[in-house]
Amino acid sequence: MPNTIDDVRLKFDILYSRLNVIYVKSEATAPLYKQQGYEETIDSINKKLEDIDGLLSHNHPDYKKISTIIADIKPLTKTVTNLADMAEIAQRNDALKDFRSKRQQLWTLLFITGGLISLLLFVLFIYISKINRLLLSERAAFASKNAFLGMVGHELRTSLQAIVSIIDVVTNNLSGGIKSGQIERLETAVSKMERQLNDLAEFAKIDNGSVEIKNTYNSLQAIVTNAVQDCIAIYEKKDVTVKIKNNNDPEVV
């Protein structure tokens, strides 16, 4: 038994303040109040301490009655201790469940992210492949354009050579006059140049995206005539030797 009433009251105040820590409802004590029987037990302890506080307020406290109340409190404190252990276990189980749930969510998120990255790479691969095909197509179109321009340039040179040849023949034979065949060959060469220039104009339209499809007809007789007249124009030039070789192979036309 303490020596003075003041010592008893001091220790009681310390005990009562400690009880308030686990008695007042708060976020920290929420797991304790979830346990069945905790609220009734802690209320009973608090009521008994209030009874002791009332007894200690007298000048001559009844220590025997106080001892009886304390004896009643002891089993209640054991119950509170057990409930606190159960609350701690439940809190750990909740934390473990939350961890597993978060881990599952994380794996799901990683799986979705991996799927999106794979889809992005697939789309990027298709896009790059399409760009490569377009580049190859553009290169082929550019090569075709160069080939066409080269062919037209060659045909223009051929027509110019035919015109120059006829002019040379006429110039060198001024005394003999101009033959009708020479005029025809000159007109043919001019017509060929006109068609070739028209081809260049049509090509420019196609290159600019303006495509116009027309029905065209070729005359085999005109093609053969033009070829023969070109050869005649070259043959009539001075200092030019033409060698003719007959091929008796029936398969060669």
C-alpha atoms as a PDB file:
ATOM      1  CA  MET A   1       0.000   0.000   0.000  1.00  0.00           C
ATOM      2  CA  PRO A   2       1.392   3.451  -0.867  1.00  0.00           C
ATOM      3  CA  ASN A   3       2.567   5.689   1.912  1.00  0.00           C
ATOM      4  CA  THR A   4       0.318   8.637   1.089  1.00  0.00           C
ATOM      5  CA  ILE A   5      -2.949   9.236  -0.695  1.00  0.00           C
ATOM      6  CA  ASP A   6      -1.176  11.558  -3.105  1.00  0.00           C
ATOM      7  CA  ASP A   7       1.043   8.733  -4.339  1.00  0.00           C
ATOM      8  CA  VAL A   8      -2.011   6.571  -4.923  1.00  0.00           C
ATOM      9  CA  ARG A   9      -3.796   9.324  -6.823  1.00  0.00           C
ATOM     10  CA  LEU A  10      -0.694   9.989  -8.966  1.00  0.00           C
ATOM     11  CA  LYS A  11      -0.363   6.364  -9.990  1.00  0.00           C
ATOM     12  CA  PHE A  12      -4.080   6.179 -10.628  1.00  0.00           C
ATOM     13  CA  ASP A  13      -3.939   9.232 -12.896  1.00  0.00           C
ATOM     14  CA  ILE A  14      -1.127   7.608 -14.877  1.00  0.00           C
ATOM     15  CA  LEU A  15      -3.149   4.394 -15.190  1.00  0.00           C
ATOM     16  CA  TYR A  16      -6.279   6.285 -16.193  1.00  0.00           C
ATOM     17  CA  SER A  17      -4.427   8.262 -18.884  1.00  0.00           C
ATOM     18  CA  ARG A  18      -3.056   5.038 -20.331  1.00  0.00           C
ATOM     19  CA  LEU A  19      -6.538   3.589 -20.433  1.00  0.00           C
ATOM     20  CA  ASN A  20      -7.783   6.591 -22.402  1.00  0.00           C
ATOM     21  CA  VAL A  21      -5.260   5.777 -25.152  1.00  0.00           C
ATOM     22  CA  ILE A  22      -7.055   2.499 -25.928  1.00  0.00           C
ATOM     23  CA  TYR A  23     -10.524   3.640 -24.818  1.00  0.00           C
ATOM     24  CA  VAL A  24     -11.044   6.643 -27.098  1.00  0.00           C
ATOM     25  CA  LYS A  25     -12.266   5.645 -30.563  1.00  0.00           C
ATOM     26  CA  SER A  26      -9.799   6.692 -33.260  1.00  0.00           C
ATOM     27  CA  GLU A  27      -8.084   5.395 -36.358  1.00  0.00           C
ATOM     28  CA  ALA A  28      -5.461   3.691 -34.196  1.00  0.00           C
ATOM     29  CA  THR A  29      -8.040   1.861 -32.039  1.00  0.00           C
ATOM     30  CA  ALA A  30     -10.363   0.966 -34.928  1.00  0.00           C
ATOM     31  CA  PRO A  31      -8.868  -2.566 -35.293  1.00  0.00           C
ATOM     32  CA  LEU A  32      -9.473  -3.149 -31.548  1.00  0.00           C
ATOM     33  CA  TYR A  33     -13.122  -2.104 -31.716  1.00  0.00           C
ATOM     34  CA  LYS A  34     -13.640  -4.511 -34.619  1.00  0.00           C
ATOM     35  CA  GLN A  35     -12.999  -7.402 -32.234  1.00  0.00           C
ATOM     36  CA  GLN A  36     -16.119  -8.861 -30.679  1.00  0.00           C
ATOM     37  CA  GLY A  37     -16.449  -8.019 -26.956  1.00  0.00           C
ATOM     38  CA  TYR A  38     -13.716  -5.379 -26.898  1.00  0.00           C
ATOM     39  CA  GLU A  39     -16.022  -2.382 -26.544  1.00  0.00           C
ATOM     40  CA  GLU A  40     -17.994  -3.963 -23.653  1.00  0.00           C
ATOM     41  CA  THR A  41     -14.793  -4.999 -21.865  1.00  0.00           C
ATOM     42  CA  ILE A  42     -13.073  -1.612 -22.172  1.00  0.00           C
ATOM     43  CA  ASP A  43     -16.282   0.162 -21.067  1.00  0.00           C
ATOM     44  CA  SER A  44     -16.422  -2.058 -17.994  1.00  0.00           C
ATOM     45  CA  ILE A  45     -12.794  -1.291 -17.112  1.00  0.00           C
ATOM     46  CA  ASN A  46     -13.378   2.435 -17.598  1.00  0.00           C
ATOM     47  CA  LYS A  47     -16.466   2.336 -15.349  1.00  0.00           C
ATOM     48  CA  LYS A  48     -14.572   0.536 -12.594  1.00  0.00           C
ATOM     49  CA  LEU A  49     -11.727   3.062 -12.801  1.00  0.00           C
ATOM     50  CA  GLU A  50     -14.284   5.835 -12.486  1.00  0.00           C
ATOM     51  CA  ASP A  51     -15.522   4.108  -9.328  1.00  0.00           C
ATOM     52  CA  ILE A  52     -11.968   4.012  -7.973  1.00  0.00           C
ATOM     53  CA  ASP A  53     -11.561   7.685  -8.869  1.00  0.00           C
ATOM     54  CA  GLY A  54     -14.685   8.441  -6.814  1.00  0.00           C
ATOM     55  CA  LEU A  55     -13.337   6.517  -3.840  1.00  0.00           C
ATOM     56  CA  LEU A  56      -9.962   8.260  -4.019  1.00  0.00           C
ATOM     57  CA  SER A  57     -11.648  11.650  -3.924  1.00  0.00           C
ATOM     58  CA  HIS A  58     -12.503  11.134  -0.230  1.00  0.00           C
ATOM     59  CA  ASN A  59     -10.101  12.119   2.527  1.00  0.00           C
ATOM     60  CA  HIS A  60     -10.152   8.567   3.881  1.00  0.00           C
ATOM     61  CA  PRO A  61     -10.540   6.182   0.913  1.00  0.00           C
ATOM     62  CA  ASP A  62     -11.871   2.676   1.424  1.00  0.00           C
ATOM     63  CA  TYR A  63      -8.808   0.730   0.302  1.00  0.00           C
ATOM     64  CA  LYS A  64     -10.521  -2.584   0.832  1.00  0.00           C
ATOM     65  CA  LYS A  65     -13.232  -1.714  -1.648  1.00  0.00           C
ATOM     66  CA  ILE A  66     -10.611  -0.352  -4.023  1.00  0.00           C
ATOM     67  CA  SER A  67      -8.718  -3.646  -3.818  1.00  0.00           C
ATOM     68  CA  THR A  68     -11.919  -5.539  -4.610  1.00  0.00           C
ATOM     69  CA  ILE A  69     -12.499  -3.416  -7.711  1.00  0.00           C
ATOM     70  CA  ILE A  70      -8.895  -3.913  -8.824  1.00  0.00           C
ATOM     71  CA  ALA A  71      -9.321  -7.658  -8.430  1.00  0.00           C
ATOM     72  CA  ASP A  72     -12.356  -7.445 -10.726  1.00  0.00           C
ATOM     73  CA  ILE A  73     -10.344  -5.470 -13.283  1.00  0.00           C
ATOM     74  CA  LYS A  74      -7.495  -8.014 -13.597  1.00  0.00           C
ATOM     75  CA  PRO A  75      -9.419 -10.640 -15.664  1.00  0.00           C
ATOM     76  CA  LEU A  76     -10.785  -7.850 -17.837  1.00  0.00           C
ATOM     77  CA  THR A  77      -7.257  -6.651 -18.603  1.00  0.00           C
ATOM     78  CA  LYS A  78      -6.300 -10.158 -19.692  1.00  0.00           C
ATOM     79  CA  THR A  79      -9.321 -10.218 -21.977  1.00  0.00           C
ATOM     80  CA  VAL A  80      -8.297  -6.848 -23.461  1.00  0.00           C
ATOM     81  CA  THR A  81      -4.758  -8.163 -23.989  1.00  0.00           C
ATOM     82  CA  ASN A  82      -6.052 -11.234 -25.824  1.00  0.00           C
ATOM     83  CA  LEU A  83      -8.372  -9.119 -27.949  1.00  0.00           C
ATOM     84  CA  ALA A  84      -5.477  -6.777 -28.769  1.00  0.00           C
ATOM     85  CA  ASP A  85      -3.407  -9.765 -29.939  1.00  0.00           C
ATOM     86  CA  MET A  86      -6.306 -10.945 -32.085  1.00  0.00           C
ATOM     87  CA  ALA A  87      -6.683  -7.438 -33.535  1.00  0.00           C
ATOM     88  CA  GLU A  88      -2.988  -7.370 -34.402  1.00  0.00           C
ATOM     89  CA  ILE A  89      -3.258 -10.751 -36.142  1.00  0.00           C
ATOM     90  CA  ALA A  90      -6.331  -9.601 -38.050  1.00  0.00           C
ATOM     91  CA  GLN A  91      -4.536  -6.408 -39.043  1.00  0.00           C
ATOM     92  CA  ARG A  92      -1.577  -8.406 -40.330  1.00  0.00           C
ATOM     93  CA  ASN A  93      -3.911 -10.681 -42.285  1.00  0.00           C
ATOM     94  CA  ASP A  94      -5.609  -7.644 -43.818  1.00  0.00           C
ATOM     95  CA  ALA A  95      -2.215  -6.206 -44.723  1.00  0.00           C
ATOM     96  CA  LEU A  96      -1.209  -9.521 -46.325  1.00  0.00           C
ATOM     97  CA  LYS A  97      -4.464  -9.678 -48.307  1.00  0.00           C
ATOM     98  CA  ASP A  98      -3.978  -6.090 -49.426  1.00  0.00           C
ATOM     99  CA  PHE A  99      -0.411  -6.885 -50.488  1.00  0.00           C
ATOM    100  CA  ARG A 100      -1.551  -9.886 -52.518  1.00  0.00           C
ATOM    101  CA  SER A 101      -4.318  -7.851 -54.105  1.00  0.00           C
ATOM    102  CA  LYS A 102      -1.901  -5.052 -54.992  1.00  0.00           C
ATOM    103  CA  ARG A 103       0.556  -7.597 -56.376  1.00  0.00           C
ATOM    104  CA  GLN A 104      -2.152  -9.139 -58.557  1.00  0.00           C
ATOM    105  CA  GLN A 105      -3.145  -5.688 -59.786  1.00  0.00           C
ATOM    106  CA  LEU A 106       0.496  -4.935 -60.542  1.00  0.00           C
ATOM    107  CA  TRP A 107       0.885  -8.131 -62.554  1.00  0.00           C
ATOM    108  CA  THR A 108      -2.316  -7.337 -64.441  1.00  0.00           C
ATOM    109  CA  LEU A 109      -1.051  -3.832 -65.162  1.00  0.00           C
ATOM    110  CA  LEU A 110       2.293  -5.197 -66.354  1.00  0.00           C
ATOM    111  CA  PHE A 111       0.504  -7.706 -68.590  1.00  0.00           C
ATOM    112  CA  ILE A 112      -1.687  -4.992 -70.114  1.00  0.00           C
ATOM    113  CA  THR A 113       1.347  -2.731 -70.564  1.00  0.00           C
ATOM    114  CA  GLY A 114       3.271  -5.546 -72.249  1.00  0.00           C
ATOM    115  CA  GLY A 115       0.315  -6.202 -74.553  1.00  0.00           C
ATOM    116  CA  LEU A 116       0.063  -2.534 -75.481  1.00  0.00           C
ATOM    117  CA  ILE A 117       3.808  -2.350 -76.150  1.00  0.00           C
ATOM    118  CA  SER A 118       3.597  -5.473 -78.338  1.00  0.00           C
ATOM    119  CA  LEU A 119       0.648  -3.993 -80.231  1.00  0.00           C
ATOM    120  CA  LEU A 120       2.530  -0.720 -80.664  1.00  0.00           C
ATOM    121  CA  LEU A 121       5.582  -2.554 -82.009  1.00  0.00           C
ATOM    122  CA  PHE A 122       3.368  -4.549 -84.397  1.00  0.00           C
ATOM    123  CA  VAL A 123       1.684  -1.392 -85.694  1.00  0.00           C
ATOM    124  CA  LEU A 124       5.087   0.283 -86.007  1.00  0.00           C
ATOM    125  CA  PHE A 125       6.412  -2.711 -87.952  1.00  0.00           C
ATOM    126  CA  ILE A 126       3.447  -2.578 -90.345  1.00  0.00           C
ATOM    127  CA  TYR A 127       3.869   1.181 -90.739  1.00  0.00           C
ATOM    128  CA  ILE A 128       7.587   0.874 -91.495  1.00  0.00           C
ATOM    129  CA  SER A 129       6.924  -1.987 -93.932  1.00  0.00           C
ATOM    130  CA  LYS A 130       4.325   0.132 -95.703  1.00  0.00           C
ATOM    131  CA  ILE A 131       6.757   3.047 -95.911  1.00  0.00           C
ATOM    132  CA  ASN A 132       9.422   0.731 -97.352  1.00  0.00           C
ATOM    133  CA  ARG A 133       6.971  -0.548 -99.969  1.00  0.00           C
ATOM    134  CA  LEU A 134       6.051   3.018-100.861  1.00  0.00           C
ATOM    135  CA  LEU A 135       9.735   3.908-101.163  1.00  0.00           C
ATOM    136  CA  LEU A 136      10.363   0.919-103.412  1.00  0.00           C
ATOM    137  CA  SER A 137       7.346   1.862-105.512  1.00  0.00           C
ATOM    138  CA  GLU A 138       8.592   5.442-105.702  1.00  0.00           C
ATOM    139  CA  ARG A 139      12.029   4.239-106.769  1.00  0.00           C
ATOM    140  CA  ALA A 140      10.477   2.028-109.449  1.00  0.00           C
ATOM    141  CA  ALA A 141       8.353   4.942-110.676  1.00  0.00           C
ATOM    142  CA  PHE A 142      11.410   7.192-110.711  1.00  0.00           C
ATOM    143  CA  ALA A 143      13.369   4.585-112.674  1.00  0.00           C
ATOM    144  CA  SER A 144      10.470   4.192-115.118  1.00  0.00           C
ATOM    145  CA  LYS A 145      10.311   7.951-115.545  1.00  0.00           C
ATOM    146  CA  ASN A 146      14.030   8.105-116.266  1.00  0.00           C
ATOM    147  CA  ALA A 147      13.706   5.256-118.748  1.00  0.00           C
ATOM    148  CA  PHE A 148      10.797   6.988-120.473  1.00  0.00           C
ATOM    149  CA  LEU A 149      12.654  10.281-120.668  1.00  0.00           C
ATOM    150  CA  GLY A 150      15.708   8.485-122.029  1.00  0.00           C
ATOM    151  CA  MET A 151      13.600   6.747-124.671  1.00  0.00           C
ATOM    152  CA  VAL A 152      11.888   9.999-125.694  1.00  0.00           C
ATOM    153  CA  GLY A 153      15.265  11.741-125.808  1.00  0.00           C
ATOM    154  CA  HIS A 154      16.620   9.010-128.055  1.00  0.00           C
ATOM    155  CA  GLU A 155      13.610   9.282-130.367  1.00  0.00           C
ATOM    156  CA  LEU A 156      13.984  13.062-130.501  1.00  0.00           C
ATOM    157  CA  ARG A 157      17.643  12.678-131.426  1.00  0.00           C
ATOM    158  CA  THR A 158      16.670  10.200-134.142  1.00  0.00           C
ATOM    159  CA  SER A 159      14.109  12.627-135.565  1.00  0.00           C
ATOM    160  CA  LEU A 160      16.585  15.490-135.420  1.00  0.00           C
ATOM    161  CA  GLN A 161      19.198  13.355-137.134  1.00  0.00           C
ATOM    162  CA  ALA A 162      16.694  12.558-139.866  1.00  0.00           C
ATOM    163  CA  ILE A 163      15.902  16.263-140.342  1.00  0.00           C
ATOM    164  CA  VAL A 164      19.588  17.168-140.363  1.00  0.00           C
ATOM    165  CA  SER A 165      20.295  14.393-142.871  1.00  0.00           C
ATOM    166  CA  ILE A 166      17.585  15.652-145.221  1.00  0.00           C
ATOM    167  CA  ILE A 167      18.883  19.210-144.891  1.00  0.00           C
ATOM    168  CA  ASP A 168      22.421  17.980-145.687  1.00  0.00           C
ATOM    169  CA  VAL A 169      21.173  16.089-148.730  1.00  0.00           C
ATOM    170  CA  VAL A 170      19.210  19.095-149.980  1.00  0.00           C
ATOM    171  CA  THR A 171      22.140  21.439-149.332  1.00  0.00           C
ATOM    172  CA  ASN A 172      24.594  19.216-151.178  1.00  0.00           C
ATOM    173  CA  ASN A 173      22.238  18.745-154.128  1.00  0.00           C
ATOM    174  CA  LEU A 174      20.952  22.259-154.714  1.00  0.00           C
ATOM    175  CA  SER A 175      21.613  21.963-158.426  1.00  0.00           C
ATOM    176  CA  GLY A 176      19.481  18.846-158.682  1.00  0.00           C
ATOM    177  CA  GLY A 177      16.467  20.378-156.934  1.00  0.00           C
ATOM    178  CA  ILE A 178      14.410  18.998-154.073  1.00  0.00           C
ATOM    179  CA  LYS A 179      12.869  15.597-154.581  1.00  0.00           C
ATOM    180  CA  SER A 180       9.320  14.835-153.447  1.00  0.00           C
ATOM    181  CA  GLY A 181      10.492  11.952-151.273  1.00  0.00           C
ATOM    182  CA  GLN A 182      12.779  14.227-149.323  1.00  0.00           C
ATOM    183  CA  ILE A 183       9.890  16.567-148.488  1.00  0.00           C
ATOM    184  CA  GLU A 184       7.812  13.594-147.318  1.00  0.00           C
ATOM    185  CA  ARG A 185      10.634  12.341-145.117  1.00  0.00           C
ATOM    186  CA  LEU A 186      11.036  15.825-143.672  1.00  0.00           C
ATOM    187  CA  GLU A 187       7.323  16.025-142.924  1.00  0.00           C
ATOM    188  CA  THR A 188       7.441  12.573-141.365  1.00  0.00           C
ATOM    189  CA  ALA A 189      10.358  13.557-139.103  1.00  0.00           C
ATOM    190  CA  VAL A 190       8.524  16.731-138.046  1.00  0.00           C
ATOM    191  CA  SER A 191       5.375  14.708-137.296  1.00  0.00           C
ATOM    192  CA  LYS A 192       7.397  12.289-135.197  1.00  0.00           C
ATOM    193  CA  MET A 193       8.912  15.148-133.206  1.00  0.00           C
ATOM    194  CA  GLU A 194       5.434  16.593-132.704  1.00  0.00           C
ATOM    195  CA  ARG A 195       4.154  13.248-131.346  1.00  0.00           C
ATOM    196  CA  GLN A 196       7.168  12.917-129.075  1.00  0.00           C
ATOM    197  CA  LEU A 197       6.615  16.413-127.710  1.00  0.00           C
ATOM    198  CA  ASN A 198       2.969  15.506-127.117  1.00  0.00           C
ATOM    199  CA  ASP A 199       4.153  12.407-125.245  1.00  0.00           C
ATOM    200  CA  LEU A 200       6.301  14.628-123.039  1.00  0.00           C
ATOM    201  CA  ALA A 201       3.322  16.897-122.367  1.00  0.00           C
ATOM    202  CA  GLU A 202       1.143  13.905-121.434  1.00  0.00           C
ATOM    203  CA  PHE A 203       3.884  12.582-119.200  1.00  0.00           C
ATOM    204  CA  ALA A 204       4.042  15.934-117.404  1.00  0.00           C
ATOM    205  CA  LYS A 205       0.283  15.716-116.795  1.00  0.00           C
ATOM    206  CA  ILE A 206       0.609  12.214-115.376  1.00  0.00           C
ATOM    207  CA  ASP A 207       3.488  13.310-113.153  1.00  0.00           C
ATOM    208  CA  ASN A 208       1.265  16.087-111.775  1.00  0.00           C
ATOM    209  CA  GLY A 209      -1.583  13.676-111.053  1.00  0.00           C
ATOM    210  CA  SER A 210      -3.763  14.597-114.015  1.00  0.00           C
ATOM    211  CA  VAL A 211      -4.353  11.316-115.827  1.00  0.00           C
ATOM    212  CA  GLU A 212      -6.512  11.204-118.933  1.00  0.00           C
ATOM    213  CA  ILE A 213      -7.008   7.881-120.678  1.00  0.00           C
ATOM    214  CA  LYS A 214      -7.691   8.019-124.392  1.00  0.00           C
ATOM    215  CA  ASN A 215      -8.095   5.379-127.073  1.00  0.00           C
ATOM    216  CA  THR A 216      -5.081   5.405-129.371  1.00  0.00           C
ATOM    217  CA  TYR A 217      -4.472   3.477-132.554  1.00  0.00           C
ATOM    218  CA  ASN A 218      -1.162   2.591-134.162  1.00  0.00           C
ATOM    219  CA  SER A 219      -0.660   2.083-137.845  1.00  0.00           C
ATOM    220  CA  LEU A 220       1.882  -0.611-138.646  1.00  0.00           C
ATOM    221  CA  GLN A 221       2.261   0.814-142.130  1.00  0.00           C
ATOM    222  CA  ALA A 222       3.159   4.245-140.746  1.00  0.00           C
ATOM    223  CA  ILE A 223       5.725   2.714-138.390  1.00  0.00           C
ATOM    224  CA  VAL A 224       7.397   0.763-141.197  1.00  0.00           C
ATOM    225  CA  THR A 225       7.293   3.816-143.478  1.00  0.00           C
ATOM    226  CA  ASN A 226       8.946   6.008-140.846  1.00  0.00           C
ATOM    227  CA  ALA A 227      11.679   3.450-140.245  1.00  0.00           C
ATOM    228  CA  VAL A 228      12.376   3.073-143.965  1.00  0.00           C
ATOM    229  CA  GLN A 229      12.436   6.829-144.531  1.00  0.00           C
ATOM    230  CA  ASP A 230      14.881   7.280-141.651  1.00  0.00           C
ATOM    231  CA  CYS A 231      17.153   4.693-143.211  1.00  0.00           C
ATOM    232  CA  ILE A 232      16.852   6.362-146.637  1.00  0.00           C
ATOM    233  CA  ALA A 233      17.711   9.753-145.127  1.00  0.00           C
ATOM    234  CA  ILE A 234      20.833   8.303-143.554  1.00  0.00           C
ATOM    235  CA  TYR A 235      21.709   6.415-146.755  1.00  0.00           C
ATOM    236  CA  GLU A 236      21.566   9.593-148.894  1.00  0.00           C
ATOM    237  CA  LYS A 237      24.099  11.403-146.697  1.00  0.00           C
ATOM    238  CA  LYS A 238      27.618  11.643-148.031  1.00  0.00           C
ATOM    239  CA  ASP A 239      30.397   9.522-146.601  1.00  0.00           C
ATOM    240  CA  VAL A 240      27.870   7.027-145.248  1.00  0.00           C
ATOM    241  CA  THR A 241      28.083   3.379-146.282  1.00  0.00           C
ATOM    242  CA  VAL A 242      25.077   1.127-145.791  1.00  0.00           C
ATOM    243  CA  LYS A 243      25.535  -2.631-145.780  1.00  0.00           C
ATOM    244  CA  ILE A 244      22.518  -4.818-146.436  1.00  0.00           C
ATOM    245  CA  LYS A 245      22.463  -8.461-145.374  1.00  0.00           C
ATOM    246  CA  ASN A 246      19.693 -10.802-146.405  1.00  0.00           C
ATOM    247  CA  ASN A 247      18.493 -13.353-143.866  1.00  0.00           C
ATOM    248  CA  ASN A 248      16.960 -16.457-145.407  1.00  0.00           C
ATOM    249  CA  ASP A 249      15.696 -17.804-142.087  1.00  0.00           C
ATOM    250  CA  PRO A 250      11.887 -18.216-142.511  1.00  0.00           C
ATOM    251  CA  GLU A 251      11.325 -17.744-138.784  1.00  0.00           C
ATOM    252  CA  VAL A 252      12.757 -14.225-138.928  1.00  0.00           C
ATOM    253  CA  VAL A 253      10.228 -11.694-140.153  1.00  0.00           C
END
